[in-house]
Amino acid sequence: MSFGFTEDQSPIREAIMEAQALKKGQILFFAAAANEGANEQEMYPARDDNVFAIRATDHEGNWWPSNPPVDVHLSWSFMTLGKSVPVVTRDEHAAGTSYATAIASGIAAMVLADARRLLHSSTSMSDLDLLNKLSRKDGMGAIFRRISLNTTHYRCSYLSPRLFVGKGEEERVSIIRYVV
């Protein structure tokens, strides 16, 4: 979700809860944290417990100054490229946590697709359970922590797809199995 509100929004909360119930918890939500720097707290729905709060970095994983501060009382936060992002429809670059959110959700989709491919022939119940767990926030959160680098920002780490894509199949399977 590339939007945010200073106040919690009950229609959005209800929609998240309904989707969670409908999908038996096997659904991932990502939301942009905010773009006002220390002038604004993390926005809603990014601060919802069921949602990954995403912040922006430059291409080297450095903190983008327009990120909101990390609230130590909320869930772990991740950040990825959101500064100087090439825009396909015009000859310029863009910045913001909304761009980072789209990239983070793409990383999650890539991990899920690769896990399905790598485990497709398995009939093991534990592998089927593993694939189901990857579709939940706790499962993908475990993967994200595994393919992230620590930063100087408490409870926030840099999501680096290279730590997954740059590995061989056996290493990626090991990373995927890490969630159990």
N, C-alpha and C. Protein backbone atom coordinates (compact mmCIF):
# COMPACT_ATOMS: atom_id res chain seq x y z
N MET A 1 0.85 -1.16 0.00
CA MET A 1 0.00 0.00 0.00
C MET A 1 0.90 1.22 0.00
N SER A 2 0.80 1.98 -1.02
CA SER A 2 1.64 3.17 -1.16
C SER A 2 0.89 4.41 -0.74
N PHE A 3 0.29 4.34 0.44
CA PHE A 3 -0.42 5.48 1.01
C PHE A 3 -0.35 5.36 2.52
N GLY A 4 -0.69 6.42 3.21
CA GLY A 4 -0.67 6.35 4.66
C GLY A 4 -1.49 7.47 5.27
N PHE A 5 -1.92 7.23 6.50
CA PHE A 5 -2.74 8.18 7.23
C PHE A 5 -2.14 8.37 8.62
N THR A 6 -2.25 9.58 9.16
CA THR A 6 -1.73 9.82 10.50
C THR A 6 -2.56 9.09 11.55
N GLU A 7 -3.84 8.95 11.30
CA GLU A 7 -4.73 8.23 12.24
C GLU A 7 -5.05 6.85 11.68
N ASP A 8 -5.29 5.90 12.59
CA ASP A 8 -5.72 4.57 12.17
C ASP A 8 -7.05 4.69 11.43
N GLN A 9 -7.22 3.86 10.42
CA GLN A 9 -8.42 3.88 9.59
C GLN A 9 -9.17 2.57 9.76
N SER A 10 -10.34 2.61 10.43
CA SER A 10 -11.06 1.36 10.68
C SER A 10 -11.48 0.63 9.41
N PRO A 11 -11.87 1.28 8.32
CA PRO A 11 -12.21 0.50 7.12
C PRO A 11 -11.00 -0.28 6.57
N ILE A 12 -9.81 0.30 6.65
CA ILE A 12 -8.61 -0.40 6.19
C ILE A 12 -8.28 -1.54 7.15
N ARG A 13 -8.36 -1.27 8.45
CA ARG A 13 -8.10 -2.32 9.44
C ARG A 13 -9.07 -3.49 9.24
N GLU A 14 -10.33 -3.18 9.04
CA GLU A 14 -11.34 -4.24 8.82
C GLU A 14 -11.06 -5.03 7.55
N ALA A 15 -10.64 -4.33 6.49
CA ALA A 15 -10.32 -5.01 5.23
C ALA A 15 -9.11 -5.94 5.41
N ILE A 16 -8.12 -5.48 6.16
CA ILE A 16 -6.95 -6.32 6.43
C ILE A 16 -7.37 -7.55 7.22
N MET A 17 -8.16 -7.35 8.25
CA MET A 17 -8.61 -8.47 9.09
C MET A 17 -9.48 -9.45 8.29
N GLU A 18 -10.34 -8.92 7.44
CA GLU A 18 -11.19 -9.78 6.60
C GLU A 18 -10.35 -10.60 5.63
N ALA A 19 -9.36 -9.96 5.01
CA ALA A 19 -8.48 -10.69 4.09
C ALA A 19 -7.67 -11.74 4.84
N GLN A 20 -7.20 -11.41 6.03
CA GLN A 20 -6.46 -12.38 6.86
C GLN A 20 -7.33 -13.60 7.15
N ALA A 21 -8.60 -13.37 7.51
CA ALA A 21 -9.51 -14.47 7.83
C ALA A 21 -9.82 -15.29 6.58
N LEU A 22 -10.10 -14.62 5.49
CA LEU A 22 -10.44 -15.29 4.24
C LEU A 22 -9.28 -16.17 3.74
N LYS A 23 -8.07 -15.68 3.87
CA LYS A 23 -6.88 -16.40 3.38
C LYS A 23 -6.21 -17.23 4.48
N LYS A 24 -6.87 -17.35 5.63
CA LYS A 24 -6.33 -18.12 6.77
C LYS A 24 -4.91 -17.65 7.13
N GLY A 25 -4.72 -16.35 7.08
CA GLY A 25 -3.44 -15.76 7.46
C GLY A 25 -2.37 -15.82 6.39
N GLN A 26 -2.67 -16.46 5.25
CA GLN A 26 -1.66 -16.62 4.20
C GLN A 26 -1.77 -15.50 3.18
N ILE A 27 -1.48 -14.31 3.66
CA ILE A 27 -1.50 -13.12 2.80
C ILE A 27 -0.48 -12.14 3.36
N LEU A 28 0.22 -11.46 2.50
CA LEU A 28 1.24 -10.51 2.91
C LEU A 28 0.81 -9.10 2.56
N PHE A 29 0.98 -8.19 3.51
CA PHE A 29 0.67 -6.77 3.30
C PHE A 29 1.94 -5.96 3.50
N PHE A 30 2.15 -5.00 2.62
CA PHE A 30 3.29 -4.09 2.70
C PHE A 30 2.75 -2.67 2.60
N ALA A 31 3.32 -1.77 3.39
CA ALA A 31 2.86 -0.37 3.32
C ALA A 31 4.04 0.59 3.50
N ALA A 32 3.93 1.71 2.82
CA ALA A 32 4.93 2.77 2.92
C ALA A 32 4.88 3.39 4.31
N ALA A 33 6.04 3.56 4.92
CA ALA A 33 6.11 4.06 6.30
C ALA A 33 5.73 5.55 6.38
N ALA A 34 6.29 6.38 5.53
CA ALA A 34 6.01 7.83 5.47
C ALA A 34 7.20 8.51 4.81
N ASN A 35 7.01 9.76 4.40
CA ASN A 35 8.08 10.50 3.72
C ASN A 35 8.35 11.86 4.36
N GLU A 36 8.01 12.03 5.62
CA GLU A 36 8.15 13.34 6.25
C GLU A 36 9.31 13.42 7.24
N GLY A 37 10.19 12.44 7.19
CA GLY A 37 11.32 12.44 8.13
C GLY A 37 10.84 12.38 9.56
N ALA A 38 11.57 13.02 10.46
CA ALA A 38 11.22 13.00 11.88
C ALA A 38 10.01 13.87 12.20
N ASN A 39 9.47 14.54 11.21
CA ASN A 39 8.30 15.40 11.43
C ASN A 39 7.00 14.61 11.55
N GLU A 40 7.02 13.35 11.21
CA GLU A 40 5.80 12.54 11.21
C GLU A 40 6.13 11.14 11.69
N GLN A 41 5.22 10.54 12.44
CA GLN A 41 5.39 9.15 12.86
C GLN A 41 5.10 8.22 11.68
N GLU A 42 5.39 6.95 11.88
CA GLU A 42 5.04 5.95 10.88
C GLU A 42 3.54 6.01 10.64
N MET A 43 3.15 5.99 9.38
CA MET A 43 1.75 6.14 9.00
C MET A 43 0.98 4.83 9.15
N TYR A 44 -0.32 4.95 9.13
CA TYR A 44 -1.19 3.77 9.10
C TYR A 44 -1.57 3.54 7.64
N PRO A 45 -1.48 2.35 7.11
CA PRO A 45 -1.44 1.03 7.73
C PRO A 45 -0.05 0.46 7.98
N ALA A 46 1.02 1.21 7.72
CA ALA A 46 2.36 0.65 7.94
C ALA A 46 2.57 0.23 9.39
N ARG A 47 1.94 0.91 10.32
CA ARG A 47 2.13 0.57 11.73
C ARG A 47 1.18 -0.53 12.23
N ASP A 48 0.37 -1.08 11.34
CA ASP A 48 -0.51 -2.19 11.70
C ASP A 48 0.34 -3.45 11.92
N ASP A 49 0.03 -4.24 12.93
CA ASP A 49 0.80 -5.45 13.23
C ASP A 49 0.81 -6.48 12.12
N ASN A 50 -0.16 -6.42 11.22
CA ASN A 50 -0.28 -7.40 10.13
C ASN A 50 0.44 -6.96 8.87
N VAL A 51 1.11 -5.83 8.92
CA VAL A 51 1.68 -5.19 7.72
C VAL A 51 3.18 -5.00 7.89
N PHE A 52 3.92 -5.24 6.81
CA PHE A 52 5.35 -4.89 6.78
C PHE A 52 5.47 -3.40 6.53
N ALA A 53 6.11 -2.69 7.46
CA ALA A 53 6.39 -1.26 7.29
C ALA A 53 7.68 -1.14 6.49
N ILE A 54 7.61 -0.44 5.38
CA ILE A 54 8.78 -0.35 4.50
C ILE A 54 9.31 1.09 4.45
N ARG A 55 10.61 1.19 4.62
CA ARG A 55 11.29 2.47 4.53
C ARG A 55 12.21 2.44 3.31
N ALA A 56 12.76 3.60 2.96
CA ALA A 56 13.55 3.73 1.74
C ALA A 56 15.04 3.89 2.05
N THR A 57 15.85 3.42 1.08
CA THR A 57 17.30 3.61 1.13
C THR A 57 17.77 4.06 -0.25
N ASP A 58 19.05 4.40 -0.31
CA ASP A 58 19.65 4.59 -1.62
C ASP A 58 20.08 3.21 -2.14
N HIS A 59 20.76 3.18 -3.27
CA HIS A 59 21.15 1.90 -3.88
C HIS A 59 22.18 1.12 -3.08
N GLU A 60 22.78 1.75 -2.08
CA GLU A 60 23.76 1.06 -1.24
C GLU A 60 23.21 0.69 0.13
N GLY A 61 21.92 0.92 0.34
CA GLY A 61 21.31 0.57 1.61
C GLY A 61 21.41 1.63 2.68
N ASN A 62 21.81 2.84 2.29
CA ASN A 62 21.92 3.93 3.27
C ASN A 62 20.54 4.55 3.55
N TRP A 63 20.29 4.84 4.80
CA TRP A 63 19.05 5.43 5.29
C TRP A 63 18.68 6.68 4.49
N TRP A 64 17.44 6.76 4.05
CA TRP A 64 16.94 7.94 3.36
C TRP A 64 16.44 8.92 4.42
N PRO A 65 16.91 10.16 4.44
CA PRO A 65 16.54 11.10 5.51
C PRO A 65 15.04 11.38 5.64
N SER A 66 14.25 11.13 4.62
CA SER A 66 12.81 11.39 4.70
C SER A 66 12.03 10.25 5.34
N ASN A 67 12.71 9.15 5.73
CA ASN A 67 12.04 8.08 6.45
C ASN A 67 11.58 8.59 7.81
N PRO A 68 10.47 8.04 8.32
CA PRO A 68 10.10 8.39 9.69
C PRO A 68 11.00 7.64 10.67
N PRO A 69 11.10 8.11 11.89
CA PRO A 69 11.88 7.35 12.88
C PRO A 69 11.25 5.98 13.11
N VAL A 70 12.05 5.03 13.56
CA VAL A 70 11.55 3.70 13.84
C VAL A 70 10.98 3.70 15.26
N ASP A 71 9.73 3.29 15.39
CA ASP A 71 9.10 3.19 16.69
C ASP A 71 9.48 1.85 17.30
N VAL A 72 10.19 1.86 18.41
CA VAL A 72 10.69 0.62 19.02
C VAL A 72 9.57 -0.26 19.56
N HIS A 73 8.35 0.27 19.63
CA HIS A 73 7.22 -0.50 20.14
C HIS A 73 6.49 -1.26 19.03
N LEU A 74 6.84 -0.98 17.80
CA LEU A 74 6.17 -1.62 16.66
C LEU A 74 7.02 -2.78 16.14
N SER A 75 6.48 -3.49 15.17
CA SER A 75 7.17 -4.63 14.57
C SER A 75 8.48 -4.20 13.92
N TRP A 76 9.31 -5.21 13.63
CA TRP A 76 10.56 -4.97 12.92
C TRP A 76 10.26 -4.30 11.59
N SER A 77 11.09 -3.40 11.18
CA SER A 77 10.88 -2.68 9.93
C SER A 77 12.00 -3.01 8.94
N PHE A 78 11.64 -3.00 7.68
CA PHE A 78 12.62 -3.26 6.62
C PHE A 78 12.68 -2.06 5.69
N MET A 79 13.81 -1.94 5.04
CA MET A 79 13.97 -0.86 4.06
C MET A 79 14.71 -1.42 2.85
N THR A 80 14.43 -0.80 1.71
CA THR A 80 15.10 -1.19 0.48
C THR A 80 15.09 0.01 -0.46
N LEU A 81 15.60 -0.18 -1.65
CA LEU A 81 15.74 0.92 -2.60
C LEU A 81 14.46 1.75 -2.70
N GLY A 82 14.60 3.05 -2.48
CA GLY A 82 13.49 3.97 -2.62
C GLY A 82 13.96 5.37 -2.96
N LYS A 83 15.25 5.51 -3.22
CA LYS A 83 15.83 6.81 -3.59
C LYS A 83 16.48 6.67 -4.96
N SER A 84 16.25 7.63 -5.83
CA SER A 84 16.79 7.62 -7.19
C SER A 84 16.34 6.39 -7.96
N VAL A 85 15.06 6.08 -7.85
CA VAL A 85 14.48 4.93 -8.55
C VAL A 85 14.13 5.37 -9.98
N PRO A 86 14.65 4.69 -10.99
CA PRO A 86 14.32 5.07 -12.38
C PRO A 86 12.81 4.93 -12.62
N VAL A 87 12.26 5.92 -13.31
CA VAL A 87 10.84 5.90 -13.65
C VAL A 87 10.73 5.51 -15.11
N VAL A 88 9.99 4.46 -15.40
CA VAL A 88 9.90 3.91 -16.75
C VAL A 88 9.20 4.87 -17.70
N THR A 89 8.18 5.56 -17.24
CA THR A 89 7.36 6.38 -18.15
C THR A 89 7.94 7.75 -18.46
N ARG A 90 8.99 8.12 -17.75
CA ARG A 90 9.62 9.42 -18.05
C ARG A 90 11.10 9.35 -17.72
N ASP A 91 11.84 10.28 -18.26
CA ASP A 91 13.29 10.26 -18.11
C ASP A 91 13.71 11.00 -16.85
N GLU A 92 13.39 10.40 -15.69
CA GLU A 92 13.78 10.98 -14.42
C GLU A 92 13.80 9.90 -13.35
N HIS A 93 14.14 10.30 -12.15
CA HIS A 93 14.17 9.38 -11.02
C HIS A 93 13.18 9.85 -9.97
N ALA A 94 12.73 8.92 -9.15
CA ALA A 94 11.77 9.25 -8.10
C ALA A 94 12.30 8.75 -6.76
N ALA A 95 11.66 9.19 -5.69
CA ALA A 95 12.06 8.75 -4.35
C ALA A 95 10.85 8.66 -3.46
N GLY A 96 10.93 7.76 -2.49
CA GLY A 96 9.88 7.66 -1.49
C GLY A 96 9.69 6.25 -1.00
N THR A 97 9.04 6.14 0.15
CA THR A 97 8.78 4.83 0.72
C THR A 97 7.77 4.06 -0.11
N SER A 98 6.96 4.74 -0.91
CA SER A 98 6.02 4.04 -1.80
C SER A 98 6.78 3.22 -2.83
N TYR A 99 7.86 3.76 -3.36
CA TYR A 99 8.66 3.03 -4.34
C TYR A 99 9.35 1.84 -3.65
N ALA A 100 9.87 2.07 -2.45
CA ALA A 100 10.51 0.99 -1.70
C ALA A 100 9.51 -0.11 -1.38
N THR A 101 8.27 0.27 -1.11
CA THR A 101 7.23 -0.71 -0.79
C THR A 101 6.97 -1.64 -1.99
N ALA A 102 6.88 -1.07 -3.16
CA ALA A 102 6.68 -1.88 -4.36
C ALA A 102 7.86 -2.83 -4.57
N ILE A 103 9.06 -2.36 -4.33
CA ILE A 103 10.24 -3.20 -4.50
C ILE A 103 10.27 -4.30 -3.44
N ALA A 104 9.94 -3.99 -2.20
CA ALA A 104 9.92 -5.01 -1.14
C ALA A 104 8.87 -6.08 -1.43
N SER A 105 7.71 -5.68 -1.91
CA SER A 105 6.69 -6.69 -2.23
C SER A 105 7.14 -7.54 -3.42
N GLY A 106 7.87 -6.95 -4.34
CA GLY A 106 8.44 -7.72 -5.45
C GLY A 106 9.48 -8.72 -4.99
N ILE A 107 10.28 -8.34 -3.99
CA ILE A 107 11.27 -9.27 -3.43
C ILE A 107 10.54 -10.45 -2.78
N ALA A 108 9.47 -10.16 -2.04
CA ALA A 108 8.69 -11.24 -1.41
C ALA A 108 8.09 -12.16 -2.47
N ALA A 109 7.56 -11.58 -3.54
CA ALA A 109 6.98 -12.39 -4.62
C ALA A 109 8.04 -13.28 -5.27
N MET A 110 9.23 -12.73 -5.44
CA MET A 110 10.33 -13.50 -6.02
C MET A 110 10.71 -14.68 -5.11
N VAL A 111 10.79 -14.43 -3.81
CA VAL A 111 11.12 -15.49 -2.86
C VAL A 111 10.05 -16.58 -2.89
N LEU A 112 8.77 -16.18 -2.88
CA LEU A 112 7.67 -17.15 -2.92
C LEU A 112 7.71 -17.98 -4.21
N ALA A 113 7.92 -17.31 -5.33
CA ALA A 113 7.96 -18.03 -6.61
C ALA A 113 9.13 -19.01 -6.65
N ASP A 114 10.27 -18.58 -6.15
CA ASP A 114 11.44 -19.46 -6.15
C ASP A 114 11.23 -20.63 -5.20
N ALA A 115 10.62 -20.37 -4.05
CA ALA A 115 10.35 -21.46 -3.10
C ALA A 115 9.41 -22.48 -3.72
N ARG A 116 8.37 -22.02 -4.39
CA ARG A 116 7.44 -22.95 -5.05
C ARG A 116 8.16 -23.77 -6.12
N ARG A 117 9.04 -23.12 -6.87
CA ARG A 117 9.78 -23.82 -7.92
C ARG A 117 10.74 -24.84 -7.33
N LEU A 118 11.48 -24.43 -6.31
CA LEU A 118 12.48 -25.31 -5.72
C LEU A 118 11.86 -26.49 -4.96
N LEU A 119 10.68 -26.29 -4.42
CA LEU A 119 10.04 -27.34 -3.62
C LEU A 119 8.87 -27.99 -4.36
N HIS A 120 8.68 -27.70 -5.65
CA HIS A 120 7.50 -28.15 -6.38
C HIS A 120 7.32 -29.66 -6.43
N SER A 121 8.39 -30.39 -6.46
CA SER A 121 8.27 -31.84 -6.59
C SER A 121 8.17 -32.54 -5.22
N SER A 122 8.30 -31.77 -4.17
CA SER A 122 8.28 -32.36 -2.84
C SER A 122 6.84 -32.72 -2.44
N THR A 123 6.68 -33.88 -1.89
CA THR A 123 5.38 -34.29 -1.36
C THR A 123 5.42 -34.31 0.17
N SER A 124 6.54 -33.86 0.71
CA SER A 124 6.70 -33.81 2.16
C SER A 124 5.70 -32.82 2.75
N MET A 125 5.01 -33.24 3.79
CA MET A 125 4.05 -32.37 4.45
C MET A 125 4.76 -31.15 5.04
N SER A 126 6.00 -31.34 5.51
CA SER A 126 6.72 -30.21 6.09
C SER A 126 7.04 -29.16 5.02
N ASP A 127 7.31 -29.60 3.78
CA ASP A 127 7.55 -28.63 2.70
C ASP A 127 6.28 -27.89 2.33
N LEU A 128 5.15 -28.58 2.33
CA LEU A 128 3.87 -27.91 2.06
C LEU A 128 3.56 -26.91 3.17
N ASP A 129 3.82 -27.30 4.41
CA ASP A 129 3.62 -26.38 5.54
C ASP A 129 4.56 -25.18 5.41
N LEU A 130 5.78 -25.44 4.97
CA LEU A 130 6.76 -24.38 4.78
C LEU A 130 6.28 -23.36 3.75
N LEU A 131 5.77 -23.83 2.63
CA LEU A 131 5.25 -22.92 1.60
C LEU A 131 4.09 -22.09 2.15
N ASN A 132 3.24 -22.71 2.95
CA ASN A 132 2.14 -21.97 3.57
C ASN A 132 2.66 -20.92 4.54
N LYS A 133 3.68 -21.27 5.31
CA LYS A 133 4.24 -20.33 6.28
C LYS A 133 4.90 -19.14 5.59
N LEU A 134 5.50 -19.36 4.43
CA LEU A 134 6.13 -18.26 3.69
C LEU A 134 5.11 -17.20 3.26
N SER A 135 3.86 -17.60 3.18
CA SER A 135 2.80 -16.67 2.78
C SER A 135 2.20 -15.93 3.96
N ARG A 136 2.80 -16.08 5.14
CA ARG A 136 2.35 -15.36 6.33
C ARG A 136 3.44 -14.38 6.76
N LYS A 137 3.03 -13.37 7.48
CA LYS A 137 3.99 -12.33 7.88
C LYS A 137 5.15 -12.89 8.68
N ASP A 138 4.90 -13.80 9.61
CA ASP A 138 6.00 -14.34 10.41
C ASP A 138 6.99 -15.13 9.56
N GLY A 139 6.49 -15.89 8.59
CA GLY A 139 7.37 -16.67 7.72
C GLY A 139 8.20 -15.79 6.80
N MET A 140 7.56 -14.85 6.12
CA MET A 140 8.30 -13.96 5.23
C MET A 140 9.21 -13.05 6.04
N GLY A 141 8.77 -12.67 7.24
CA GLY A 141 9.63 -11.86 8.11
C GLY A 141 10.93 -12.57 8.45
N ALA A 142 10.83 -13.89 8.69
CA ALA A 142 12.04 -14.68 8.97
C ALA A 142 12.97 -14.68 7.76
N ILE A 143 12.39 -14.82 6.57
CA ILE A 143 13.21 -14.77 5.34
C ILE A 143 13.82 -13.38 5.18
N PHE A 144 13.00 -12.36 5.35
CA PHE A 144 13.51 -10.99 5.20
C PHE A 144 14.66 -10.73 6.18
N ARG A 145 14.54 -11.19 7.42
CA ARG A 145 15.64 -10.98 8.37
C ARG A 145 16.89 -11.72 7.91
N ARG A 146 16.70 -12.86 7.29
CA ARG A 146 17.83 -13.67 6.81
C ARG A 146 18.52 -13.02 5.61
N ILE A 147 17.77 -12.28 4.80
CA ILE A 147 18.38 -11.66 3.61
C ILE A 147 18.50 -10.15 3.78
N SER A 148 18.67 -9.73 5.03
CA SER A 148 18.83 -8.31 5.34
C SER A 148 20.17 -8.07 6.00
N LEU A 149 20.58 -6.83 5.94
CA LEU A 149 21.81 -6.40 6.60
C LEU A 149 21.43 -5.46 7.73
N ASN A 150 22.13 -5.59 8.85
CA ASN A 150 21.88 -4.69 9.97
C ASN A 150 22.31 -3.28 9.60
N THR A 151 21.62 -2.34 10.17
CA THR A 151 21.96 -0.93 9.94
C THR A 151 22.17 -0.28 11.29
N THR A 152 22.44 1.00 11.26
CA THR A 152 22.61 1.74 12.50
C THR A 152 21.25 2.10 13.12
N HIS A 153 20.17 1.79 12.43
CA HIS A 153 18.83 2.13 12.92
C HIS A 153 18.22 0.94 13.65
N TYR A 154 17.96 1.12 14.92
CA TYR A 154 17.43 0.06 15.78
C TYR A 154 16.11 -0.47 15.22
N ARG A 155 15.98 -1.80 15.14
CA ARG A 155 14.78 -2.52 14.70
C ARG A 155 14.43 -2.24 13.24
N CYS A 156 15.44 -1.93 12.43
CA CYS A 156 15.21 -1.68 11.01
C CYS A 156 16.44 -2.20 10.26
N SER A 157 16.21 -3.04 9.26
CA SER A 157 17.35 -3.56 8.50
C SER A 157 17.12 -3.43 7.00
N TYR A 158 18.23 -3.44 6.30
CA TYR A 158 18.23 -3.24 4.85
C TYR A 158 18.00 -4.56 4.13
N LEU A 159 16.92 -4.64 3.43
CA LEU A 159 16.54 -5.83 2.67
C LEU A 159 17.35 -5.86 1.38
N SER A 160 18.23 -6.86 1.27
CA SER A 160 19.14 -6.94 0.14
C SER A 160 18.84 -8.19 -0.69
N PRO A 161 18.17 -8.05 -1.83
CA PRO A 161 17.85 -9.23 -2.63
C PRO A 161 19.08 -10.00 -3.08
N ARG A 162 20.24 -9.36 -3.11
CA ARG A 162 21.48 -10.05 -3.49
C ARG A 162 21.80 -11.20 -2.54
N LEU A 163 21.36 -11.06 -1.29
CA LEU A 163 21.62 -12.11 -0.31
C LEU A 163 20.76 -13.35 -0.55
N PHE A 164 19.83 -13.25 -1.49
CA PHE A 164 19.02 -14.41 -1.89
C PHE A 164 19.34 -14.78 -3.34
N VAL A 165 19.18 -13.83 -4.23
CA VAL A 165 19.38 -14.08 -5.67
C VAL A 165 20.81 -14.49 -5.98
N GLY A 166 21.76 -13.95 -5.24
CA GLY A 166 23.17 -14.24 -5.50
C GLY A 166 23.63 -15.59 -5.01
N LYS A 167 22.73 -16.40 -4.50
CA LYS A 167 23.09 -17.71 -3.95
C LYS A 167 22.72 -18.81 -4.92
N GLY A 168 23.36 -19.97 -4.78
CA GLY A 168 23.01 -21.14 -5.56
C GLY A 168 21.71 -21.76 -5.03
N GLU A 169 21.18 -22.73 -5.76
CA GLU A 169 19.91 -23.34 -5.37
C GLU A 169 19.94 -23.95 -3.98
N GLU A 170 21.01 -24.66 -3.65
CA GLU A 170 21.07 -25.30 -2.32
C GLU A 170 21.05 -24.26 -1.21
N GLU A 171 21.77 -23.16 -1.40
CA GLU A 171 21.77 -22.10 -0.39
C GLU A 171 20.40 -21.44 -0.27
N ARG A 172 19.72 -21.23 -1.41
CA ARG A 172 18.38 -20.63 -1.37
C ARG A 172 17.39 -21.56 -0.67
N VAL A 173 17.49 -22.86 -0.93
CA VAL A 173 16.63 -23.82 -0.23
C VAL A 173 16.91 -23.74 1.27
N SER A 174 18.17 -23.62 1.65
CA SER A 174 18.53 -23.51 3.06
C SER A 174 17.91 -22.24 3.67
N ILE A 175 17.96 -21.14 2.95
CA ILE A 175 17.35 -19.89 3.42
C ILE A 175 15.84 -20.08 3.57
N ILE A 176 15.22 -20.72 2.60
CA ILE A 176 13.77 -20.94 2.64
C ILE A 176 13.40 -21.85 3.82
N ARG A 177 14.17 -22.88 4.04
CA ARG A 177 13.88 -23.81 5.14
C ARG A 177 14.14 -23.18 6.51
N TYR A 178 14.81 -22.05 6.53
CA TYR A 178 15.13 -21.34 7.76
C TYR A 178 13.87 -20.93 8.53
N VAL A 179 12.76 -20.78 7.85
CA VAL A 179 11.55 -20.29 8.51
C VAL A 179 10.93 -21.30 9.46
N VAL A 180 11.27 -22.60 9.35
CA VAL A 180 10.66 -23.59 10.25
C VAL A 180 11.41 -23.75 11.54
